[in-house]
Amino acid sequence: MSRLLKKPFLLLIAVFMLVIMAACSKDSSGGSSGSSSDGSKNGSSKDEKVEIRFTWWGDTSRNEVYNEIVDRFEEEHPNITVKREFGGWEEYWDKLATQIAGGNAPDVVSMHQFYVSDYARRNALYNLNQLVDSQNINLSDFPESAVDSGKVDGNIFMVAQGLTMPGYAFNTALFDELGIDYPEFDWTWEDMAEKAAELKQAIGDEKKWGLVDSSGAYNNIFRYFTRQRGKDLFTEDGKVGYDKEDVVAWWSMWDDLRKKNLIPDAATGNEFANAPLEANMFVTGVTAIGQFPANQINLYQEQFDNGEIQMVRVPTMAGAPNGEYIEGAYLSISEKSKHPEEAAMFIDFFINSEKAVELFKVQQGPPAGTKMSTLVMDLIDPAEARAVEFIQKTVPLGRPAPYAPAGNNEVVTAFEDNAEAIAYGQKTVEQAAEDFMKQAESILQ
């Protein structure tokens, strides 16, 4: 997905110059200076007819679910009409950036961690603090880490719809067939290497491996690695948050696994680089352990006739901080919304109403709220339930993380390119790390 994000980010840089010039002044409590005491602007009575707009990204299936949720909200609030707007991922961000620059953004916007920092810091999003404090948006049973994941500079600018966490997955049937013990949930990087060696020996096939190659996985797996070393991908002011030695340690670990033939060679990795889910290395049995977000467990389970797809957390370091941070899909209110109170009512319905959650289920990961995430357990299939259980188990481990700055996609590309150069033997680890750090620091300046 990272390469698809380049165009929206470049557009953001251009259109936000207009946003800065047109942005409203803020008072100390958030929202525009004309906000009422309850955090709303131009709030309506229950009898006044109000129209708000809601926009999201997604495929046909998601559009059907979200439209049904909106229908139920309108039934419960007959004075509020919700105009629906949606599109594919890249189309969605292009359109939203243009709308915000033109002062015509929808009232409720679907938001993502890749973008929220830019939008919030350019006064394009409504500060939700008062709406949360007044429980217009009730986050009382959200884990603290889930609430924190929606904050920028200490203020709440987005609310989690669904949460997910990445992990490493395996099929129990294959492990049983090979006579290999399942990985422990709290395994370490050393445990991972040992398990890869054990699997490779048991598999006995030169063209099959125990473990997927994650050496180029910048935004999630390498990020966990840096956080476990007491750092992060970015500093709060958007600069590189790690050192060359962190990059060398990371790529050295994967280079050693490759030289021992415990992960796929570069040519095999390239062959499967753009394979769809149903034809990737994990599904086709080229690797015994795969890596993907937990909310995709059920999609992978559909590809296997035997066994269960189980997931363990990203490997850890003994005595080190947790690498986990909250990931997921979010809802925000645009700063120029004329009806933030009604927009807040809609968000609260989406995240806290059984009528909404029984449709949403785990559409973008299980609901963030404890009550609603428990509710969906009775509505989902066993594979979806394993995803919820994994996420519920890992969310409490999460710590706040700085949001990605502008230019992050270029950094991702540089990281992937240098990881690939190591895999093909075109660069040493030291040379690739040196080249990458220069590129990353230049981009983020």
Protein backbone atom coordinates (compact mmCIF):
# COMPACT_ATOMS: atom_id res chain seq x y z
CA MET A 1 0.00 0.00 0.00
CA SER A 2 2.84 2.37 0.71
CA ARG A 3 3.55 3.10 -2.94
CA LEU A 4 -0.12 3.95 -3.49
CA LEU A 5 0.11 6.66 -0.88
CA LYS A 6 2.62 8.80 -2.77
CA LYS A 7 0.15 10.68 -4.93
CA PRO A 8 -2.23 11.62 -2.07
CA PHE A 9 0.70 12.85 0.04
CA LEU A 10 2.01 15.06 -2.74
CA LEU A 11 -1.45 16.49 -3.23
CA LEU A 12 -1.73 17.15 0.48
CA ILE A 13 1.43 19.21 0.47
CA ALA A 14 0.04 21.43 -2.28
CA VAL A 15 -3.50 21.93 -1.09
CA PHE A 16 -2.63 22.52 2.53
CA MET A 17 -0.92 25.75 1.58
CA LEU A 18 -4.44 26.96 0.88
CA VAL A 19 -5.74 25.47 4.11
CA ILE A 20 -3.15 27.32 6.20
CA MET A 21 -4.18 30.65 4.69
CA ALA A 22 -7.89 29.99 5.19
CA ALA A 23 -7.80 28.20 8.57
CA CYS A 24 -9.93 29.45 11.43
CA SER A 25 -8.31 30.75 14.58
CA LYS A 26 -8.55 28.38 17.55
CA ASP A 27 -9.37 28.99 21.18
CA SER A 28 -7.48 27.18 23.92
CA SER A 29 -10.12 24.47 24.41
CA GLY A 30 -10.29 23.43 20.76
CA GLY A 31 -12.78 24.09 17.98
CA SER A 32 -13.42 27.46 16.41
CA SER A 33 -13.72 30.59 18.47
CA GLY A 34 -17.48 30.51 17.82
CA SER A 35 -17.98 27.11 19.47
CA SER A 36 -20.65 26.79 22.14
CA SER A 37 -19.92 25.63 25.69
CA ASP A 38 -20.70 22.01 24.82
CA GLY A 39 -18.20 21.99 21.99
CA SER A 40 -20.76 22.35 19.20
CA LYS A 41 -21.15 25.00 16.52
CA ASN A 42 -24.62 25.97 15.34
CA GLY A 43 -26.16 23.03 17.20
CA SER A 44 -29.74 22.25 16.22
CA SER A 45 -32.82 21.30 18.19
CA LYS A 46 -34.19 17.78 17.89
CA ASP A 47 -36.95 19.02 15.57
CA GLU A 48 -34.74 21.04 13.24
CA LYS A 49 -33.92 19.31 9.97
CA VAL A 50 -30.16 18.91 9.56
CA GLU A 51 -28.06 17.40 6.79
CA ILE A 52 -24.55 16.14 7.46
CA ARG A 53 -22.14 14.44 5.09
CA PHE A 54 -20.15 11.26 5.80
CA THR A 55 -17.30 10.01 3.63
CA TRP A 56 -15.26 6.80 3.68
CA TRP A 57 -13.05 4.56 1.55
CA GLY A 58 -13.84 0.95 0.78
CA ASP A 59 -15.00 -1.73 -1.61
CA THR A 60 -18.55 -2.74 -2.52
CA SER A 61 -18.97 -4.91 0.56
CA ARG A 62 -17.94 -2.11 2.94
CA ASN A 63 -20.16 0.38 1.14
CA GLU A 64 -23.16 -1.87 1.68
CA VAL A 65 -22.38 -2.23 5.40
CA TYR A 66 -21.81 1.49 5.94
CA ASN A 67 -24.95 2.45 4.06
CA GLU A 68 -26.98 0.13 6.28
CA ILE A 69 -25.42 1.70 9.38
CA VAL A 70 -26.33 5.17 8.11
CA ASP A 71 -29.87 4.00 7.41
CA ARG A 72 -30.25 2.84 11.02
CA PHE A 73 -28.86 6.12 12.34
CA GLU A 74 -31.39 8.08 10.27
CA GLU A 75 -34.22 5.89 11.57
CA GLU A 76 -33.18 6.71 15.14
CA HIS A 77 -32.66 10.41 14.36
CA PRO A 78 -35.34 11.31 11.78
CA ASN A 79 -34.40 15.00 11.81
CA ILE A 80 -30.86 14.22 10.59
CA THR A 81 -30.13 13.24 7.00
CA VAL A 82 -26.71 11.79 6.22
CA LYS A 83 -25.39 12.31 2.70
CA ARG A 84 -23.00 9.49 1.82
CA GLU A 85 -19.76 9.83 -0.17
CA PHE A 86 -17.21 7.09 -0.76
CA GLY A 87 -14.48 5.87 -3.09
CA GLY A 88 -11.41 3.69 -3.40
CA TRP A 89 -8.37 4.34 -1.18
CA GLU A 90 -6.37 6.65 -3.46
CA GLU A 91 -9.44 8.35 -4.92
CA TYR A 92 -10.75 9.01 -1.42
CA TRP A 93 -7.65 10.89 -0.23
CA ASP A 94 -7.33 12.91 -3.43
CA LYS A 95 -10.93 14.07 -3.16
CA LEU A 96 -10.79 14.79 0.57
CA ALA A 97 -7.66 16.93 0.21
CA THR A 98 -9.36 18.96 -2.52
CA GLN A 99 -12.55 19.36 -0.48
CA ILE A 100 -10.70 20.55 2.60
CA ALA A 101 -8.64 23.01 0.58
CA GLY A 102 -11.88 24.38 -0.87
CA GLY A 103 -13.61 24.60 2.51
CA ASN A 104 -16.19 22.01 1.48
CA ALA A 105 -15.18 18.92 3.43
CA PRO A 106 -17.83 16.45 4.65
CA ASP A 107 -18.83 16.75 8.31
CA VAL A 108 -17.70 13.24 9.27
CA VAL A 109 -14.55 12.02 7.55
CA SER A 110 -12.85 8.66 7.73
CA MET A 111 -9.30 9.25 8.93
CA HIS A 112 -6.03 7.32 9.05
CA GLN A 113 -2.79 7.53 10.98
CA PHE A 114 -0.85 8.29 7.80
CA TYR A 115 -2.75 11.57 7.38
CA VAL A 116 -4.15 12.79 10.68
CA SER A 117 -1.06 14.72 11.74
CA ASP A 118 -1.01 16.82 8.58
CA TYR A 119 -4.74 17.51 8.71
CA ALA A 120 -4.90 18.27 12.44
CA ARG A 121 -1.87 20.52 12.51
CA ARG A 122 -3.22 22.57 9.63
CA ASN A 123 -6.53 23.24 11.42
CA ALA A 124 -8.50 21.03 9.06
CA LEU A 125 -9.95 18.78 11.78
CA TYR A 126 -12.22 19.65 14.71
CA ASN A 127 -10.75 19.31 18.18
CA LEU A 128 -12.95 16.67 19.83
CA ASN A 129 -11.89 17.23 23.45
CA GLN A 130 -15.07 18.95 24.62
CA LEU A 131 -17.33 16.57 22.70
CA VAL A 132 -15.59 13.66 24.43
CA ASP A 133 -15.59 15.35 27.85
CA SER A 134 -19.34 15.97 27.56
CA GLN A 135 -19.80 12.35 26.35
CA ASN A 136 -21.44 13.50 23.14
CA ILE A 137 -18.87 10.99 21.93
CA ASN A 138 -18.64 8.43 24.72
CA LEU A 139 -15.21 6.85 25.00
CA SER A 140 -15.59 5.77 28.62
CA ASP A 141 -14.97 2.07 27.90
CA PHE A 142 -12.23 2.60 25.33
CA PRO A 143 -8.79 1.37 26.48
CA GLU A 144 -6.55 4.33 27.19
CA SER A 145 -4.23 3.25 24.39
CA ALA A 146 -7.14 3.35 21.92
CA VAL A 147 -8.10 6.89 23.00
CA ASP A 148 -4.47 8.01 22.83
CA SER A 149 -4.16 6.64 19.31
CA GLY A 150 -6.56 9.36 18.17
CA LYS A 151 -4.56 12.23 19.69
CA VAL A 152 -2.28 14.75 18.02
CA ASP A 153 -0.29 17.06 20.32
CA GLY A 154 -2.38 15.82 23.27
CA ASN A 155 -5.77 16.64 21.70
CA ILE A 156 -8.31 14.15 20.34
CA PHE A 157 -8.84 14.57 16.61
CA MET A 158 -10.12 11.14 15.66
CA VAL A 159 -12.01 8.23 17.22
CA ALA A 160 -11.26 4.59 16.49
CA GLN A 161 -13.91 2.63 14.59
CA GLY A 162 -11.97 -0.60 14.50
CA LEU A 163 -8.57 -1.63 15.80
CA THR A 164 -6.03 -4.04 14.43
CA MET A 165 -2.48 -5.14 15.15
CA PRO A 166 0.07 -6.95 12.98
CA GLY A 167 1.45 -10.32 13.86
CA TYR A 168 3.04 -13.49 12.51
CA ALA A 169 0.64 -16.25 11.45
CA PHE A 170 0.80 -19.98 10.91
CA ASN A 171 -1.50 -22.85 9.98
CA THR A 172 -1.83 -25.41 12.77
CA ALA A 173 -2.33 -28.25 10.26
CA LEU A 174 1.11 -27.74 8.71
CA PHE A 175 2.84 -27.54 12.08
CA ASP A 176 1.04 -30.69 13.23
CA GLU A 177 2.03 -32.49 10.03
CA LEU A 178 5.67 -31.50 10.51
CA GLY A 179 5.62 -32.31 14.21
CA ILE A 180 6.70 -28.79 15.13
CA ASP A 181 5.49 -26.99 18.26
CA TYR A 182 3.51 -23.82 17.66
CA PRO A 183 5.35 -20.52 18.31
CA GLU A 184 4.78 -19.00 21.74
CA PHE A 185 2.64 -15.86 21.77
CA ASP A 186 5.43 -13.88 23.49
CA TRP A 187 8.33 -15.15 21.41
CA THR A 188 11.59 -13.24 20.88
CA TRP A 189 13.58 -12.51 17.72
CA GLU A 190 15.93 -15.32 18.75
CA ASP A 191 12.94 -17.66 19.12
CA MET A 192 11.80 -16.65 15.64
CA ALA A 193 15.18 -17.55 14.11
CA GLU A 194 15.23 -20.90 15.91
CA LYS A 195 11.70 -21.71 14.77
CA ALA A 196 12.60 -20.82 11.19
CA ALA A 197 15.57 -23.23 11.33
CA GLU A 198 13.44 -25.98 12.86
CA LEU A 199 10.81 -25.57 10.16
CA LYS A 200 13.32 -25.48 7.31
CA GLN A 201 14.86 -28.75 8.42
CA ALA A 202 11.47 -30.43 8.81
CA ILE A 203 10.18 -29.17 5.46
CA GLY A 204 13.21 -30.47 3.57
CA ASP A 205 12.51 -28.55 0.37
CA GLU A 206 14.97 -26.06 -1.11
CA LYS A 207 12.12 -23.96 -2.50
CA LYS A 208 10.17 -23.73 0.74
CA TRP A 209 11.08 -21.84 3.89
CA GLY A 210 10.00 -21.51 7.50
CA LEU A 211 9.60 -17.73 7.60
CA VAL A 212 8.58 -14.80 5.43
CA ASP A 213 11.21 -12.10 4.77
CA SER A 214 10.22 -8.93 6.68
CA SER A 215 13.48 -7.05 6.09
CA GLY A 216 11.69 -4.37 4.05
CA ALA A 217 8.64 -4.03 6.32
CA TYR A 218 9.28 -0.46 7.44
CA ASN A 219 5.98 0.93 8.74
CA ASN A 220 5.05 -1.95 10.99
CA ILE A 221 7.67 -4.61 11.76
CA PHE A 222 10.82 -2.45 11.65
CA ARG A 223 8.89 0.14 13.64
CA TYR A 224 8.30 -2.43 16.40
CA PHE A 225 12.03 -3.18 16.36
CA THR A 226 12.99 0.48 16.81
CA ARG A 227 10.41 0.98 19.58
CA GLN A 228 11.76 -2.05 21.41
CA ARG A 229 15.15 -0.32 21.28
CA GLY A 230 13.64 2.75 22.97
CA LYS A 231 13.21 4.77 19.78
CA ASP A 232 10.66 5.06 16.95
CA LEU A 233 10.44 5.73 13.22
CA PHE A 234 9.87 9.44 13.81
CA THR A 235 10.35 12.04 16.48
CA GLU A 236 7.40 14.18 17.53
CA ASP A 237 8.62 16.94 15.22
CA GLY A 238 8.76 14.62 12.22
CA LYS A 239 12.46 13.80 11.99
CA VAL A 240 14.12 10.36 11.78
CA GLY A 241 13.75 8.73 15.19
CA TYR A 242 16.39 5.98 15.02
CA ASP A 243 20.11 5.70 14.27
CA LYS A 244 22.19 3.95 11.66
CA GLU A 245 23.10 1.29 14.23
CA ASP A 246 19.42 0.34 14.53
CA VAL A 247 19.17 -0.12 10.77
CA VAL A 248 22.39 -2.16 10.69
CA ALA A 249 21.12 -4.41 13.50
CA TRP A 250 17.82 -4.94 11.70
CA TRP A 251 19.20 -5.77 8.28
CA SER A 252 22.03 -7.85 9.74
CA MET A 253 19.47 -10.09 11.45
CA TRP A 254 17.58 -10.70 8.20
CA ASP A 255 20.75 -11.03 6.13
CA ASP A 256 21.93 -13.77 8.48
CA LEU A 257 18.61 -15.60 8.12
CA ARG A 258 18.88 -15.32 4.33
CA LYS A 259 22.46 -16.62 4.23
CA LYS A 260 21.33 -19.61 6.30
CA ASN A 261 18.53 -20.19 3.76
CA LEU A 262 15.85 -19.73 6.43
CA ILE A 263 13.91 -17.07 4.50
CA PRO A 264 13.23 -16.86 0.74
CA ASP A 265 15.97 -15.66 -1.59
CA ALA A 266 15.64 -12.32 -3.37
CA ALA A 267 14.39 -13.82 -6.64
CA THR A 268 11.59 -15.71 -4.92
CA GLY A 269 10.66 -12.65 -2.91
CA ASN A 270 10.47 -10.60 -6.11
CA GLU A 271 8.38 -13.28 -7.83
CA PHE A 272 5.71 -13.06 -5.13
CA ALA A 273 6.01 -9.33 -4.43
CA ASN A 274 2.71 -8.38 -6.07
CA ALA A 275 0.85 -11.65 -5.67
CA PRO A 276 -2.77 -11.40 -4.49
CA LEU A 277 -3.64 -12.86 -1.12
CA GLU A 278 -4.82 -16.17 -2.55
CA ALA A 279 -1.48 -16.67 -4.35
CA ASN A 280 1.06 -15.26 -1.90
CA MET A 281 3.90 -17.21 -0.29
CA PHE A 282 2.05 -18.09 2.89
CA VAL A 283 -1.12 -19.33 1.20
CA THR A 284 0.78 -21.39 -1.39
CA GLY A 285 3.00 -22.96 1.27
CA VAL A 286 6.26 -21.36 0.17
CA THR A 287 6.65 -20.08 3.74
CA ALA A 288 5.25 -21.75 6.85
CA ILE A 289 4.95 -18.47 8.76
CA GLY A 290 3.42 -15.33 7.25
CA GLN A 291 2.99 -11.76 8.39
CA PHE A 292 -0.16 -9.61 8.06
CA PRO A 293 -2.69 -7.59 10.11
CA ALA A 294 -4.87 -9.61 12.48
CA ASN A 295 -8.14 -8.43 10.90
CA GLN A 296 -7.17 -10.49 7.82
CA ILE A 297 -7.08 -13.82 9.66
CA ASN A 298 -10.51 -14.80 8.36
CA LEU A 299 -9.51 -13.93 4.77
CA TYR A 300 -6.53 -16.26 5.03
CA GLN A 301 -8.55 -18.97 6.76
CA GLU A 302 -10.83 -19.09 3.71
CA GLN A 303 -7.83 -20.24 1.64
CA PHE A 304 -7.17 -23.37 3.73
CA ASP A 305 -9.25 -26.54 3.91
CA ASN A 306 -7.47 -27.87 6.98
CA GLY A 307 -6.14 -26.40 10.21
CA GLU A 308 -6.59 -23.04 11.91
CA ILE A 309 -4.79 -19.82 11.12
CA GLN A 310 -3.33 -18.71 14.43
CA MET A 311 -1.34 -15.56 15.18
CA VAL A 312 1.41 -14.57 17.61
CA ARG A 313 2.69 -11.07 18.30
CA VAL A 314 5.64 -9.47 16.56
CA PRO A 315 8.78 -10.88 18.26
CA THR A 316 10.07 -9.04 21.31
CA MET A 317 13.36 -8.26 23.05
CA ALA A 318 13.90 -9.52 26.58
CA GLY A 319 13.55 -6.68 29.08
CA ALA A 320 12.80 -4.14 26.35
CA PRO A 321 9.76 -1.85 25.89
CA ASN A 322 6.80 -3.14 23.90
CA GLY A 323 6.78 -2.33 20.23
CA GLU A 324 3.00 -2.35 19.89
CA TYR A 325 1.01 0.75 19.02
CA ILE A 326 -2.62 1.06 18.03
CA GLU A 327 -3.50 0.73 14.35
CA GLY A 328 -6.91 0.91 12.74
CA ALA A 329 -9.59 3.00 11.05
CA TYR A 330 -10.89 6.23 12.54
CA LEU A 331 -13.61 8.90 12.32
CA SER A 332 -13.03 12.64 12.55
CA ILE A 333 -15.08 15.82 12.19
CA SER A 334 -13.94 18.46 9.74
CA GLU A 335 -13.13 21.83 11.30
CA LYS A 336 -15.53 23.73 9.04
CA SER A 337 -18.51 21.49 9.85
CA LYS A 338 -21.61 23.58 10.56
CA HIS A 339 -23.08 20.73 12.61
CA PRO A 340 -20.35 19.20 14.81
CA GLU A 341 -22.88 18.18 17.48
CA GLU A 342 -24.87 16.11 14.99
CA ALA A 343 -21.63 14.78 13.53
CA ALA A 344 -20.63 13.73 17.06
CA MET A 345 -24.00 12.00 17.51
CA PHE A 346 -23.33 10.02 14.35
CA ILE A 347 -19.83 9.00 15.47
CA ASP A 348 -21.16 7.97 18.88
CA PHE A 349 -23.87 5.87 17.19
CA PHE A 350 -21.30 4.24 14.91
CA ILE A 351 -18.97 3.17 17.73
CA ASN A 352 -21.39 2.59 20.64
CA SER A 353 -24.72 1.43 19.22
CA GLU A 354 -25.48 -2.26 18.99
CA LYS A 355 -27.52 -1.46 15.87
CA ALA A 356 -24.35 -0.26 14.17
CA VAL A 357 -21.87 -2.73 15.58
CA GLU A 358 -23.93 -5.79 14.66
CA LEU A 359 -23.46 -4.67 11.05
CA PHE A 360 -19.88 -3.42 11.35
CA LYS A 361 -18.65 -6.53 13.19
CA VAL A 362 -14.91 -6.54 12.35
CA GLN A 363 -15.13 -4.67 9.04
CA GLN A 364 -11.96 -2.68 9.81
CA GLY A 365 -10.92 -4.61 12.88
CA PRO A 366 -13.05 -5.16 16.00
CA PRO A 367 -14.63 -2.14 17.71
CA ALA A 368 -12.35 -0.25 20.08
CA GLY A 369 -14.88 -0.12 22.93
CA THR A 370 -14.77 -3.02 25.38
CA LYS A 371 -18.54 -3.57 25.42
CA MET A 372 -18.92 -3.54 21.64
CA SER A 373 -15.86 -5.71 20.99
CA THR A 374 -17.35 -8.26 23.39
CA LEU A 375 -20.71 -8.03 21.63
CA VAL A 376 -19.31 -8.93 18.23
CA MET A 377 -17.90 -12.19 19.59
CA ASP A 378 -21.41 -13.65 19.36
CA LEU A 379 -21.85 -12.43 15.77
CA ILE A 380 -18.72 -13.62 14.02
CA ASP A 381 -17.21 -16.86 12.75
CA PRO A 382 -14.37 -18.69 14.54
CA ALA A 383 -11.61 -17.16 12.40
CA GLU A 384 -12.92 -13.64 13.00
CA ALA A 385 -13.15 -14.49 16.69
CA ARG A 386 -9.47 -15.46 16.75
CA ALA A 387 -8.66 -12.09 15.23
CA VAL A 388 -10.65 -10.31 17.93
CA GLU A 389 -8.99 -12.35 20.67
CA PHE A 390 -5.53 -11.56 19.30
CA ILE A 391 -6.27 -7.85 19.04
CA GLN A 392 -7.82 -7.70 22.52
CA LYS A 393 -4.71 -9.39 23.87
CA THR A 394 -2.25 -7.05 22.16
CA VAL A 395 -4.06 -3.69 22.41
CA PRO A 396 -3.22 -3.30 26.15
CA LEU A 397 0.45 -3.69 25.19
CA GLY A 398 0.29 -0.65 22.94
CA ARG A 399 2.05 2.64 23.66
CA PRO A 400 1.48 6.00 21.94
CA ALA A 401 3.42 6.58 18.74
CA PRO A 402 4.22 9.72 16.74
CA TYR A 403 2.25 10.06 13.53
CA ALA A 404 3.91 9.75 10.16
CA PRO A 405 5.20 13.07 8.80
CA ALA A 406 4.93 14.22 5.20
CA GLY A 407 7.53 12.41 3.13
CA ASN A 408 7.10 9.11 4.91
CA ASN A 409 6.21 7.31 1.69
CA GLU A 410 9.47 8.32 0.08
CA VAL A 411 11.30 7.01 3.15
CA VAL A 412 9.41 3.71 2.88
CA THR A 413 10.44 3.37 -0.76
CA ALA A 414 14.09 4.07 0.09
CA PHE A 415 13.96 1.48 2.88
CA GLU A 416 12.43 -1.17 0.62
CA ASP A 417 14.91 -0.46 -2.18
CA ASN A 418 17.93 -0.78 0.11
CA ALA A 419 16.57 -3.95 1.75
CA GLU A 420 16.17 -5.43 -1.73
CA ALA A 421 19.71 -4.38 -2.69
CA ILE A 422 21.04 -6.34 0.30
CA ALA A 423 18.94 -9.37 -0.64
CA TYR A 424 20.36 -9.36 -4.17
CA GLY A 425 23.91 -8.90 -2.89
CA GLN A 426 24.21 -5.50 -4.56
CA LYS A 427 25.03 -3.73 -1.28
CA THR A 428 26.47 -4.73 2.05
CA VAL A 429 24.36 -4.12 5.14
CA GLU A 430 26.69 -1.31 6.18
CA GLN A 431 26.55 0.39 2.78
CA ALA A 432 22.77 0.07 2.51
CA ALA A 433 22.28 1.46 6.01
CA GLU A 434 24.56 4.41 5.27
CA ASP A 435 22.77 5.17 2.00
CA PHE A 436 19.33 4.81 3.53
CA MET A 437 20.01 7.09 6.51
CA LYS A 438 21.21 9.85 4.19
CA GLN A 439 18.09 9.47 2.05
CA ALA A 440 15.70 9.38 5.01
CA GLU A 441 17.21 12.38 6.75
CA SER A 442 17.18 14.38 3.53
CA ILE A 443 13.55 13.51 2.77
CA LEU A 444 12.25 14.36 6.25
CA GLN A 445 14.02 17.71 6.32
